[in-house]
Amino acid sequence: MVGLERRAHWLLLGQQGEVHYVPGRQTVVRIKSSRTRPGQCYAALPSGLWASQDAGVAWPRATPGDTSAVAVHPTDATHLVSVIDGGLMQSRAGGTTWTALAVE
């Protein structure tokens, strides 16, 4: 969605067919964008981590699972850290594969 002005007026962008939308009626917990690739964005939702490569027009799901946080490395847009299903996870592949991080 794109804000049309400073108030809470939003317009859903995209096309029907092949475009994937972030599922409706879910709380978007966090949205982060890449500093090095401005059109690359990630959204954490209860249904998973959703990724956009086109500034939010299409949102295919990168990873299923209850995602409550996401962070993007400041110089590597494919390096992510996220909380998925209560576990701290790291991806160096833009969210396609994950490794659990040890928490002490």
Protein backbone atom coordinates (compact mmCIF):
# COMPACT_ATOMS: atom_id res chain seq x y z
CA MET A 1 0.00 0.00 0.00
CA VAL A 2 1.11 3.50 -0.67
CA GLY A 3 0.22 6.51 1.47
CA LEU A 4 -1.52 9.22 -0.50
CA GLU A 5 -0.99 11.91 2.12
CA ARG A 6 0.12 12.26 5.72
CA ARG A 7 -3.17 11.00 7.10
CA ALA A 8 -4.31 7.37 7.11
CA HIS A 9 -5.48 7.24 3.49
CA TRP A 10 -4.01 4.26 1.68
CA LEU A 11 -4.34 2.82 -1.81
CA LEU A 12 -3.74 -0.87 -2.59
CA LEU A 13 -1.42 -1.11 -5.59
CA GLY A 14 -0.79 -4.00 -7.95
CA GLN A 15 -2.57 -6.03 -10.59
CA GLN A 16 -4.74 -9.10 -10.45
CA GLY A 17 -3.39 -12.40 -11.71
CA GLU A 18 0.25 -13.16 -11.03
CA VAL A 19 0.77 -10.42 -8.45
CA HIS A 20 0.88 -11.64 -4.85
CA TYR A 21 -0.66 -9.41 -2.20
CA VAL A 22 0.12 -9.41 1.48
CA PRO A 23 -2.90 -11.21 2.99
CA GLY A 24 -5.69 -8.94 4.09
CA ARG A 25 -6.97 -8.62 7.63
CA GLN A 26 -3.60 -9.43 9.18
CA THR A 27 -1.52 -7.16 11.32
CA VAL A 28 1.69 -6.06 9.65
CA VAL A 29 4.07 -6.30 12.57
CA ARG A 30 7.08 -4.67 10.94
CA ILE A 31 8.16 -3.40 7.51
CA LYS A 32 11.83 -2.90 6.70
CA SER A 33 13.49 -1.76 3.49
CA SER A 34 17.01 -2.17 2.25
CA ARG A 35 19.35 0.83 2.34
CA THR A 36 21.32 -0.51 -0.62
CA ARG A 37 18.32 -1.64 -2.72
CA PRO A 38 15.51 0.86 -2.10
CA GLY A 39 12.84 -1.23 -3.88
CA GLN A 40 13.55 -4.29 -1.73
CA CYS A 41 11.20 -4.46 1.29
CA TYR A 42 10.30 -7.10 3.88
CA ALA A 43 7.08 -7.35 5.91
CA ALA A 44 6.70 -9.46 9.06
CA LEU A 45 3.18 -10.87 9.50
CA PRO A 46 1.61 -13.71 11.52
CA SER A 47 1.47 -15.70 8.24
CA GLY A 48 5.16 -15.32 7.45
CA LEU A 49 7.83 -13.05 6.05
CA TRP A 50 6.76 -11.39 2.81
CA ALA A 51 9.28 -9.82 0.42
CA SER A 52 8.88 -7.23 -2.31
CA GLN A 53 11.50 -6.57 -4.96
CA ASP A 54 9.48 -3.80 -6.66
CA ALA A 55 8.88 -1.23 -3.91
CA GLY A 56 5.76 -2.92 -2.59
CA VAL A 57 3.77 -3.64 -5.76
CA ALA A 58 4.00 -7.44 -5.38
CA TRP A 59 4.52 -9.32 -2.10
CA PRO A 60 5.33 -13.02 -2.52
CA ARG A 61 5.78 -14.89 0.75
CA ALA A 62 9.46 -15.63 1.35
CA THR A 63 9.00 -17.76 4.46
CA PRO A 64 5.97 -19.21 6.27
CA GLY A 65 5.63 -19.04 10.06
CA ASP A 66 4.57 -16.47 12.62
CA THR A 67 7.05 -13.64 12.02
CA SER A 68 7.21 -10.99 14.71
CA ALA A 69 10.34 -9.04 13.70
CA VAL A 70 12.69 -8.49 10.77
CA ALA A 71 15.93 -6.55 10.35
CA VAL A 72 17.93 -5.94 7.16
CA HIS A 73 21.72 -5.58 7.23
CA PRO A 74 22.72 -1.99 6.35
CA THR A 75 25.10 -2.97 3.52
CA ASP A 76 23.82 -6.41 2.41
CA ALA A 77 20.16 -6.50 1.37
CA THR A 78 20.10 -10.32 1.38
CA HIS A 79 21.29 -10.61 5.01
CA LEU A 80 18.24 -10.72 7.30
CA VAL A 81 17.61 -11.49 10.95
CA SER A 82 14.07 -12.33 11.98
CA VAL A 83 12.00 -13.86 14.75
CA ILE A 84 10.03 -16.72 13.20
CA ASP A 85 7.81 -18.99 15.31
CA GLY A 86 9.53 -17.59 18.41
CA GLY A 87 13.07 -18.46 17.25
CA LEU A 88 15.81 -16.03 16.26
CA MET A 89 16.75 -16.82 12.66
CA GLN A 90 19.32 -15.53 10.16
CA SER A 91 19.20 -15.60 6.36
CA ARG A 92 21.97 -14.65 3.96
CA ALA A 93 19.74 -15.47 0.99
CA GLY A 94 17.00 -12.85 1.19
CA GLY A 95 14.74 -15.06 3.28
CA THR A 96 14.77 -18.19 1.11
CA THR A 97 16.88 -20.21 3.56
CA TRP A 98 17.36 -19.73 7.32
CA THR A 99 19.74 -20.75 10.09
CA ALA A 100 18.82 -20.66 13.76
CA LEU A 101 20.91 -18.29 15.86
CA ALA A 102 21.96 -19.39 19.34
CA VAL A 103 20.61 -17.24 22.15
CA GLU A 104 22.36 -17.39 25.50
